[in-house]
Amino acid sequence: MGIDDKINNASEQATGKVKEGVGRATDNERLEAEGRQDQASGHLKQAGEKIKDMFRS
């Protein structure tokens, strides 16, 4: 996994956590759901990169 991919995935997860927290604090269900979606997307991408790395080794 390249360092750029790691940074992008981590930032997507962090952004999702912030969005989810702001959504909860402001009682905005849409923003909260979007934050959870961003987190899940970041986790999924990171898992895909790890699988690719396993096959490269």
C-alpha atoms as a PDB file:
ATOM      1  CA  MET A   1       0.000   0.000   0.000  1.00  0.00           C
ATOM      2  CA  GLY A   2       1.448   3.338  -0.989  1.00  0.00           C
ATOM      3  CA  ILE A   3       1.837   6.074   1.558  1.00  0.00           C
ATOM      4  CA  ASP A   4      -0.506   8.296  -0.462  1.00  0.00           C
ATOM      5  CA  ASP A   5      -3.245   5.676  -0.269  1.00  0.00           C
ATOM      6  CA  LYS A   6      -2.767   5.319   3.478  1.00  0.00           C
ATOM      7  CA  ILE A   7      -3.031   9.077   3.974  1.00  0.00           C
ATOM      8  CA  ASN A   8      -6.098   9.390   1.742  1.00  0.00           C
ATOM      9  CA  ASN A   9      -7.901   6.527   3.465  1.00  0.00           C
ATOM     10  CA  ALA A  10      -7.063   7.836   6.926  1.00  0.00           C
ATOM     11  CA  SER A  11      -8.212  11.336   6.035  1.00  0.00           C
ATOM     12  CA  GLU A  12     -11.477   9.988   4.642  1.00  0.00           C
ATOM     13  CA  GLN A  13     -12.077   8.100   7.879  1.00  0.00           C
ATOM     14  CA  ALA A  14     -11.211  11.150   9.985  1.00  0.00           C
ATOM     15  CA  THR A  15     -13.484  13.376   7.914  1.00  0.00           C
ATOM     16  CA  GLY A  16     -16.265  10.860   8.386  1.00  0.00           C
ATOM     17  CA  LYS A  17     -15.797  10.876  12.158  1.00  0.00           C
ATOM     18  CA  VAL A  18     -15.959  14.661  12.241  1.00  0.00           C
ATOM     19  CA  LYS A  19     -19.070  14.742  10.051  1.00  0.00           C
ATOM     20  CA  GLU A  20     -20.754  12.114  12.200  1.00  0.00           C
ATOM     21  CA  GLY A  21     -19.915  14.040  15.377  1.00  0.00           C
ATOM     22  CA  VAL A  22     -21.159  17.343  13.978  1.00  0.00           C
ATOM     23  CA  GLY A  23     -24.307  15.623  12.722  1.00  0.00           C
ATOM     24  CA  ARG A  24     -24.997  14.229  16.180  1.00  0.00           C
ATOM     25  CA  ALA A  25     -24.298  17.556  17.888  1.00  0.00           C
ATOM     26  CA  THR A  26     -26.577  19.486  15.540  1.00  0.00           C
ATOM     27  CA  ASP A  27     -29.202  16.735  15.327  1.00  0.00           C
ATOM     28  CA  ASN A  28     -28.626  16.512  11.561  1.00  0.00           C
ATOM     29  CA  GLU A  29     -29.315  12.900  10.622  1.00  0.00           C
ATOM     30  CA  ARG A  30     -28.234  13.398   7.022  1.00  0.00           C
ATOM     31  CA  LEU A  31     -24.781  14.684   7.990  1.00  0.00           C
ATOM     32  CA  GLU A  32     -24.397  11.927  10.567  1.00  0.00           C
ATOM     33  CA  ALA A  33     -25.234   9.273   7.958  1.00  0.00           C
ATOM     34  CA  GLU A  34     -22.836  10.855   5.478  1.00  0.00           C
ATOM     35  CA  GLY A  35     -20.089  10.678   8.100  1.00  0.00           C
ATOM     36  CA  ARG A  36     -20.732   6.995   8.728  1.00  0.00           C
ATOM     37  CA  GLN A  37     -20.666   6.396   4.968  1.00  0.00           C
ATOM     38  CA  ASP A  38     -17.314   8.190   4.616  1.00  0.00           C
ATOM     39  CA  GLN A  39     -15.849   6.097   7.427  1.00  0.00           C
ATOM     40  CA  ALA A  40     -17.070   2.855   5.896  1.00  0.00           C
ATOM     41  CA  SER A  41     -15.695   3.844   2.510  1.00  0.00           C
ATOM     42  CA  GLY A  42     -12.282   4.596   3.985  1.00  0.00           C
ATOM     43  CA  HIS A  43     -12.216   1.275   5.836  1.00  0.00           C
ATOM     44  CA  LEU A  44     -13.229  -0.615   2.700  1.00  0.00           C
ATOM     45  CA  LYS A  45     -10.557   1.043   0.575  1.00  0.00           C
ATOM     46  CA  GLN A  46      -7.925   0.332   3.204  1.00  0.00           C
ATOM     47  CA  ALA A  47      -8.945  -3.338   3.338  1.00  0.00           C
ATOM     48  CA  GLY A  48      -8.735  -3.562  -0.459  1.00  0.00           C
ATOM     49  CA  GLU A  49      -5.230  -2.129  -0.434  1.00  0.00           C
ATOM     50  CA  LYS A  50      -4.132  -4.616   2.228  1.00  0.00           C
ATOM     51  CA  ILE A  51      -5.436  -7.497   0.115  1.00  0.00           C
ATOM     52  CA  LYS A  52      -3.514  -6.200  -2.901  1.00  0.00           C
ATOM     53  CA  ASP A  53      -0.367  -6.028  -0.772  1.00  0.00           C
ATOM     54  CA  MET A  54      -0.798  -9.637   0.317  1.00  0.00           C
ATOM     55  CA  PHE A  55      -0.825 -10.796  -3.302  1.00  0.00           C
ATOM     56  CA  ARG A  56       2.203  -8.684  -4.203  1.00  0.00           C
ATOM     57  CA  SER A  57       4.381 -10.261  -1.498  1.00  0.00           C
END
